[in-house]
Protein backbone atom coordinates (compact mmCIF):
# COMPACT_ATOMS: atom_id res chain seq x y z
CA UNK A 1 -50.64 -5.45 -30.94
CA UNK A 2 -47.29 -5.21 -32.80
CA UNK A 3 -46.33 -2.15 -30.72
CA UNK A 4 -46.84 -4.01 -27.43
CA UNK A 5 -44.63 -7.04 -28.30
CA UNK A 6 -41.70 -4.82 -29.45
CA UNK A 7 -41.84 -2.87 -26.23
CA UNK A 8 -41.73 -6.07 -24.13
CA UNK A 9 -38.59 -7.24 -25.98
CA UNK A 10 -36.74 -3.95 -25.28
CA UNK A 11 -37.11 -4.04 -21.52
CA UNK A 12 -34.01 -4.58 -19.30
CA UNK A 13 -30.34 -5.29 -19.92
CA UNK A 14 -29.18 -7.96 -22.33
CA UNK A 15 -27.18 -10.99 -21.27
CA UNK A 16 -24.09 -9.67 -23.05
CA UNK A 17 -24.48 -6.31 -21.31
CA UNK A 18 -24.75 -7.98 -17.92
CA UNK A 19 -21.68 -10.13 -18.63
CA UNK A 20 -19.65 -7.03 -19.51
CA UNK A 21 -20.74 -5.30 -16.30
CA UNK A 22 -19.88 -8.38 -14.21
CA UNK A 23 -16.46 -8.68 -15.94
CA UNK A 24 -15.61 -5.02 -15.22
CA UNK A 25 -16.70 -5.34 -11.58
CA UNK A 26 -14.75 -8.59 -11.27
CA UNK A 27 -11.55 -7.00 -12.60
CA UNK A 28 -11.99 -4.09 -10.20
CA UNK A 29 -12.49 -6.42 -7.25
CA UNK A 30 -9.48 -8.51 -8.30
CA UNK A 31 -7.37 -5.33 -8.46
CA UNK A 32 -8.43 -4.37 -4.94
CA UNK A 33 -7.59 -7.86 -3.70
CA UNK A 34 -4.11 -7.68 -5.26
CA UNK A 35 -3.39 -4.16 -3.90
CA UNK A 36 -4.63 -4.69 -0.34
CA UNK A 37 -1.50 -6.51 0.97
CA UNK A 38 0.78 -3.83 -0.53
CA UNK A 39 -1.09 -1.02 1.25
CA UNK A 40 -1.32 -3.00 4.50
CA UNK A 41 2.46 -3.40 4.48
CA UNK A 42 2.88 0.32 3.84
CA UNK A 43 0.74 1.09 6.88
CA UNK A 44 2.82 -1.37 8.93
CA UNK A 45 5.96 0.54 7.90
CA UNK A 46 4.37 3.84 8.95
CA UNK A 47 3.26 2.33 12.25
CA UNK A 48 6.78 1.00 12.92
CA UNK A 49 8.39 4.37 12.15
CA UNK A 50 5.92 6.25 14.35
CA UNK A 51 6.36 3.70 17.14
CA UNK A 52 10.15 4.13 17.09
CA UNK A 53 9.67 7.91 17.13
CA UNK A 54 7.36 7.69 20.17
CA UNK A 55 9.55 5.24 22.10
CA UNK A 56 12.81 7.17 21.73
CA UNK A 57 14.08 10.68 22.28
CA UNK A 58 16.50 12.18 19.76
CA UNK A 59 19.13 13.16 22.33
CA UNK A 60 19.32 9.58 23.68
CA UNK A 61 19.70 7.74 20.36
CA UNK A 62 21.84 7.58 17.21
CA UNK A 63 21.09 6.36 13.65
CA UNK A 64 22.44 2.85 14.34
CA UNK A 65 20.11 2.47 17.32
CA UNK A 66 17.19 3.79 15.26
CA UNK A 67 17.89 1.16 12.57
CA UNK A 68 18.14 -1.54 15.24
CA UNK A 69 14.76 -0.51 16.70
CA UNK A 70 13.24 -0.46 13.20
CA UNK A 71 14.67 -3.92 12.44
CA UNK A 72 12.85 -5.32 15.48
CA UNK A 73 9.57 -3.90 14.19
CA UNK A 74 10.36 -5.20 10.68
CA UNK A 75 10.81 -8.73 12.04
CA UNK A 76 7.62 -8.60 14.10
CA UNK A 77 5.54 -7.20 11.23
CA UNK A 78 7.29 -9.37 8.58
CA UNK A 79 7.96 -6.41 6.27
CA UNK A 80 9.56 -7.51 2.99
CA UNK A 81 9.13 -4.69 0.46
CA UNK A 82 11.55 -2.26 2.17
CA UNK A 83 14.84 -3.11 3.86
CA UNK A 84 15.81 -1.08 6.93
CA UNK A 85 19.20 -0.42 5.29
CA UNK A 86 17.41 1.39 2.45
CA UNK A 87 15.80 3.89 4.82
CA UNK A 88 17.34 7.32 5.04
CA UNK A 89 18.01 8.54 8.59
CA UNK A 90 19.55 11.97 8.92
CA UNK A 91 20.11 14.57 11.59
CA UNK A 92 17.76 17.55 11.30
CA UNK A 93 18.20 20.24 13.91
CA UNK A 94 18.02 18.62 17.35
CA UNK A 95 16.27 15.47 16.08
CA UNK A 96 16.38 12.85 13.38
CA UNK A 97 14.33 12.37 10.26
CA UNK A 98 13.39 8.85 9.13
CA UNK A 99 12.54 8.76 5.44
CA UNK A 100 11.13 5.71 3.64
CA UNK A 101 10.73 6.00 -0.12
CA UNK A 102 10.22 2.86 -2.17
CA UNK A 103 8.28 1.29 -5.02
CA UNK A 104 6.22 -1.85 -4.53
CA UNK A 105 5.23 -4.05 -7.46
CA UNK A 106 2.52 -6.67 -7.41
CA UNK A 107 1.26 -8.81 -10.30
CA UNK A 108 -2.18 -8.13 -11.74
CA UNK A 109 -2.87 -10.32 -14.77
CA UNK A 110 -0.25 -12.31 -16.73
CA UNK A 111 2.69 -9.94 -17.31
CA UNK A 112 0.81 -6.81 -16.18
CA UNK A 113 1.95 -5.42 -12.81
CA UNK A 114 0.80 -2.68 -10.46
CA UNK A 115 3.66 -0.36 -9.48
CA UNK A 116 2.95 1.83 -6.45
CA UNK A 117 5.35 4.44 -5.09
CA UNK A 118 5.35 5.17 -1.37
CA UNK A 119 7.06 8.07 0.39
CA UNK A 120 6.83 8.80 4.11
CA UNK A 121 8.89 10.91 6.51
CA UNK A 122 8.67 10.73 10.30
CA UNK A 123 10.48 13.08 12.68
CA UNK A 124 12.13 11.81 15.84
CA UNK A 125 12.44 14.67 18.33
């Protein structure tokens, strides 16, 4: 009879174990929630760069016009983490290369921050 009652007490996870698992999953979910806007903005930047590349031909445009077109997309998409002036636009062969490299920081918990580096190049031919 002693053997049966010990076995019944050992079945399943303890309350402390379950709390630890829930805390780890909660922190992971909170991290995803904090990082989602940063990645969405990055994809908006890529979409804006690719849209400008599709709308314009390299022989009909100059860097100032490229920046102006990007600024319009920045205003529509409300992009804050990268300024159009910080983008590198240079002549490559018969086209232009738009290069966006930046670091985005977002708070996680207290004074702990996520720092994510983004780097994307789009050709305008």
